[in-house]
Amino acid sequence: MKIKEKKLSIKEKLHRGHFLYFLYCYIYTRVMDWKIAKTSMDEFFCNDGEEIFPVQSVNYRILREMRKEIKIEPEDVFVDVGCGWGRLLGFLRLYGIKGRKSYGIEINKRASQFAMKVFENSDDVTIIYGDATITQIEDATVYLLFNPFGENVLNAFLDNLEKTAKKGTRIYYLNAVFERVFYQRKKTWLQVSRFEVKPKYHIPIVLCEYRFTGGTE
């Protein structure tokens, strides 16, 4: 027999700390956005593509949990696919998680222009306004995807990446909705780890790490 969950009153929610927690998260978000972009990010960027999802920055509650799982070495070249205005790139840099170079690829023109301004004084960060399914960064070693597009576009992205990827190239796939795409390519992409990011009061988000095998078993 399913037990009906009791609906909490506002007073009970306050007592449990929900309100204070989300107030803290709201303030923390504003402060962190200001540290990265020197502005409170009220901007909203939309995409028109059928399988290119609207620009959405990763919630800081997720970022704080996942940063422990992201391994970027000093010699790595890191690429944020669908970087939006640059929150993830900025957050990782604040915590010293960066390689010798970083790139952000963003198909939304306004978002990419904003990101270019955010990192205009950073010599080791390059923002590319373009389509990730045709853009090639030949020295890239680590990619991160926050579920930036649908299944067909993800396949097109991997087709393009595999033309230049070196053996050992890694992909971190956050909110891995289309894991099956990598499973279908298991001869070329080996799943190294699968981790559930579990922020407080948030549904778990899957983070998968894949390594390019170069087409070998």
Protein backbone atom coordinates (compact mmCIF):
# COMPACT_ATOMS: atom_id res chain seq x y z
CA MET A 1 0.00 0.00 0.00
CA LYS A 2 1.43 3.36 -1.04
CA ILE A 3 1.58 5.87 1.77
CA LYS A 4 0.54 9.35 0.71
CA GLU A 5 3.25 11.86 1.44
CA LYS A 6 2.20 14.64 3.78
CA LYS A 7 2.20 18.08 2.21
CA LEU A 8 4.27 20.42 4.34
CA SER A 9 3.04 23.84 5.35
CA ILE A 10 5.24 26.88 4.81
CA LYS A 11 5.97 26.96 8.52
CA GLU A 12 7.09 23.30 8.45
CA LYS A 13 9.30 23.90 5.41
CA LEU A 14 10.95 26.83 7.16
CA HIS A 15 11.44 24.67 10.22
CA ARG A 16 13.14 21.98 8.15
CA GLY A 17 15.51 24.50 6.63
CA HIS A 18 14.35 24.36 2.99
CA PHE A 19 13.80 28.09 2.73
CA LEU A 20 17.13 29.04 4.30
CA TYR A 21 18.99 26.51 2.16
CA PHE A 22 17.56 27.80 -1.11
CA LEU A 23 18.06 31.39 -0.02
CA TYR A 24 21.70 30.53 0.60
CA CYS A 25 21.90 28.87 -2.85
CA TYR A 26 20.39 31.95 -4.49
CA ILE A 27 22.92 34.26 -2.81
CA TYR A 28 25.79 31.86 -3.53
CA THR A 29 24.81 31.77 -7.22
CA ARG A 30 24.77 35.56 -7.45
CA VAL A 31 28.14 35.87 -5.72
CA MET A 32 29.80 33.18 -7.87
CA ASP A 33 28.40 34.59 -11.12
CA TRP A 34 29.76 37.98 -10.10
CA LYS A 35 33.19 36.47 -9.39
CA ILE A 36 33.28 34.88 -12.84
CA ALA A 37 31.44 37.38 -15.05
CA LYS A 38 31.47 40.55 -12.95
CA THR A 39 27.70 40.75 -13.26
CA SER A 40 24.61 39.04 -11.86
CA MET A 41 23.54 36.71 -14.66
CA ASP A 42 19.94 37.59 -15.46
CA GLU A 43 20.56 37.03 -19.17
CA PHE A 44 18.69 34.15 -20.84
CA PHE A 45 19.89 32.80 -24.17
CA CYS A 46 17.65 30.69 -26.43
CA ASN A 47 18.55 28.36 -29.27
CA ASP A 48 16.39 27.67 -32.30
CA GLY A 49 17.77 24.26 -33.30
CA GLU A 50 15.49 21.23 -33.11
CA GLU A 51 18.02 19.13 -31.18
CA ILE A 52 20.22 21.87 -29.76
CA PHE A 53 18.92 22.52 -26.28
CA PRO A 54 18.44 26.04 -24.84
CA VAL A 55 21.52 27.53 -23.22
CA GLN A 56 21.50 26.36 -19.61
CA SER A 57 24.30 26.86 -17.11
CA VAL A 58 25.10 24.02 -14.72
CA ASN A 59 23.69 24.66 -11.25
CA TYR A 60 26.43 25.43 -8.73
CA ARG A 61 25.08 22.72 -6.42
CA ILE A 62 25.91 20.22 -9.16
CA LEU A 63 29.26 21.83 -9.96
CA ARG A 64 30.41 21.61 -6.34
CA GLU A 65 29.66 17.89 -6.24
CA MET A 66 31.07 16.98 -9.66
CA ARG A 67 34.34 18.92 -9.43
CA LYS A 68 35.80 16.13 -7.27
CA GLU A 69 35.25 13.70 -10.15
CA ILE A 70 36.71 15.87 -12.93
CA LYS A 71 40.40 15.16 -13.55
CA ILE A 72 42.21 17.75 -15.64
CA GLU A 73 46.00 17.61 -15.64
CA PRO A 74 48.27 20.65 -16.22
CA GLU A 75 49.18 19.39 -19.70
CA ASP A 76 45.56 18.78 -20.78
CA VAL A 77 43.60 20.84 -23.30
CA PHE A 78 40.04 21.11 -22.00
CA VAL A 79 36.92 21.77 -24.09
CA ASP A 80 33.49 22.72 -22.71
CA VAL A 81 31.00 21.77 -25.44
CA GLY A 82 28.04 24.12 -25.24
CA CYS A 83 29.79 26.48 -22.83
CA GLY A 84 26.97 29.05 -22.68
CA TRP A 85 28.25 32.26 -21.10
CA GLY A 86 31.14 30.42 -19.44
CA ARG A 87 29.99 29.47 -15.92
CA LEU A 88 31.52 25.99 -15.91
CA LEU A 89 34.84 27.18 -17.34
CA GLY A 90 34.96 29.99 -14.80
CA PHE A 91 34.02 27.75 -11.88
CA LEU A 92 36.70 25.15 -12.64
CA ARG A 93 39.32 27.88 -12.98
CA LEU A 94 38.35 29.37 -9.61
CA TYR A 95 39.16 25.98 -8.05
CA GLY A 96 42.39 25.57 -10.01
CA ILE A 97 40.99 22.79 -12.21
CA LYS A 98 42.42 23.64 -15.60
CA GLY A 99 44.88 22.46 -18.20
CA ARG A 100 47.39 24.41 -20.23
CA LYS A 101 44.56 25.64 -22.48
CA SER A 102 40.78 25.71 -22.36
CA TYR A 103 38.17 26.15 -25.08
CA GLY A 104 34.46 26.79 -24.98
CA ILE A 105 32.29 26.01 -28.01
CA GLU A 106 28.91 27.71 -28.19
CA ILE A 107 26.44 27.83 -31.10
CA ASN A 108 24.35 30.61 -29.58
CA LYS A 109 25.78 33.88 -30.87
CA ARG A 110 24.77 36.12 -27.96
CA ALA A 111 25.94 33.62 -25.34
CA SER A 112 29.29 33.12 -27.10
CA GLN A 113 29.83 36.88 -27.40
CA PHE A 114 29.13 37.25 -23.68
CA ALA A 115 31.60 34.44 -22.89
CA MET A 116 34.23 36.12 -25.05
CA LYS A 117 33.90 39.25 -22.91
CA VAL A 118 34.09 37.22 -19.69
CA PHE A 119 37.42 35.66 -20.74
CA GLU A 120 38.83 38.46 -22.88
CA ASN A 121 41.76 38.92 -20.47
CA SER A 122 42.49 35.19 -20.13
CA ASP A 123 45.25 34.19 -22.57
CA ASP A 124 44.66 30.47 -22.02
CA VAL A 125 40.89 30.49 -22.69
CA THR A 126 39.40 30.64 -26.19
CA ILE A 127 35.67 30.86 -26.89
CA ILE A 128 34.55 29.59 -30.29
CA TYR A 129 31.24 30.65 -31.79
CA GLY A 130 30.31 27.68 -33.91
CA ASP A 131 28.80 24.24 -34.38
CA ALA A 132 30.49 21.51 -32.31
CA THR A 133 29.60 18.89 -34.95
CA ILE A 134 31.97 20.52 -37.46
CA THR A 135 34.44 22.32 -35.16
CA GLN A 136 37.73 20.50 -34.63
CA ILE A 137 40.29 21.21 -31.90
CA GLU A 138 43.10 18.86 -32.80
CA ASP A 139 45.11 19.16 -29.57
CA ALA A 140 42.09 18.66 -27.24
CA THR A 141 42.46 15.90 -24.63
CA VAL A 142 39.41 16.36 -22.35
CA TYR A 143 35.84 17.29 -23.27
CA LEU A 144 32.84 18.02 -21.08
CA LEU A 145 29.23 17.80 -22.29
CA PHE A 146 26.33 18.94 -20.12
CA ASN A 147 23.73 17.16 -22.26
CA PRO A 148 24.03 19.93 -24.88
CA PHE A 149 22.09 18.23 -27.67
CA GLY A 150 19.90 15.30 -28.70
CA GLU A 151 20.84 11.82 -29.86
CA ASN A 152 21.30 12.58 -33.58
CA VAL A 153 23.48 15.62 -32.93
CA LEU A 154 25.51 13.71 -30.32
CA ASN A 155 26.24 11.05 -32.94
CA ALA A 156 27.27 13.75 -35.41
CA PHE A 157 29.52 15.33 -32.77
CA LEU A 158 31.26 12.01 -32.07
CA ASP A 159 31.64 11.29 -35.78
CA ASN A 160 33.44 14.62 -36.16
CA LEU A 161 35.54 14.17 -33.00
CA GLU A 162 36.74 10.71 -33.97
CA LYS A 163 38.37 12.12 -37.11
CA THR A 164 41.05 13.88 -35.05
CA ALA A 165 40.84 12.40 -31.52
CA LYS A 166 43.97 10.77 -30.17
CA LYS A 167 43.85 7.52 -28.25
CA GLY A 168 43.14 8.30 -24.60
CA THR A 169 41.04 11.41 -25.27
CA ARG A 170 38.38 11.65 -22.55
CA ILE A 171 34.78 12.84 -22.45
CA TYR A 172 32.88 13.72 -19.29
CA TYR A 173 29.18 13.45 -20.05
CA LEU A 174 27.06 15.16 -17.40
CA ASN A 175 23.31 14.45 -17.26
CA ALA A 176 23.99 11.49 -19.53
CA VAL A 177 20.53 11.18 -21.09
CA PHE A 178 21.84 9.45 -24.21
CA GLU A 179 24.30 6.97 -22.69
CA ARG A 180 23.15 4.46 -25.29
CA VAL A 181 25.03 6.41 -27.98
CA PHE A 182 28.32 5.59 -26.26
CA TYR A 183 27.23 2.02 -25.62
CA GLN A 184 26.60 1.63 -29.34
CA ARG A 185 30.16 2.87 -29.89
CA LYS A 186 31.72 0.65 -27.21
CA LYS A 187 34.51 -0.38 -29.58
CA THR A 188 35.72 3.20 -29.75
CA TRP A 189 34.59 4.69 -26.41
CA LEU A 190 35.30 2.82 -23.16
CA GLN A 191 33.30 3.84 -20.10
CA VAL A 192 35.84 4.51 -17.36
CA SER A 193 33.45 5.55 -14.61
CA ARG A 194 29.80 6.29 -13.89
CA PHE A 195 29.03 8.54 -10.95
CA GLU A 196 25.78 9.93 -9.54
CA VAL A 197 26.00 13.57 -8.51
CA LYS A 198 23.56 14.03 -5.62
CA PRO A 199 23.17 17.65 -4.48
CA LYS A 200 20.87 18.32 -1.54
CA TYR A 201 17.17 18.58 -2.56
CA HIS A 202 18.02 17.73 -6.17
CA ILE A 203 17.43 14.60 -8.23
CA PRO A 204 20.66 12.64 -8.91
CA ILE A 205 22.52 13.59 -12.10
CA VAL A 206 24.61 10.95 -13.87
CA LEU A 207 28.21 11.82 -14.77
CA CYS A 208 29.94 9.35 -17.11
CA GLU A 209 33.59 9.36 -18.15
CA TYR A 210 34.56 7.81 -21.48
CA ARG A 211 37.98 7.19 -23.02
CA PHE A 212 38.68 6.98 -26.75
CA THR A 213 40.28 3.65 -27.61
CA GLY A 214 41.12 4.50 -31.20
CA GLY A 215 38.83 1.79 -32.47
CA THR A 216 40.41 -1.14 -30.64
CA GLU A 217 38.63 -3.58 -28.31
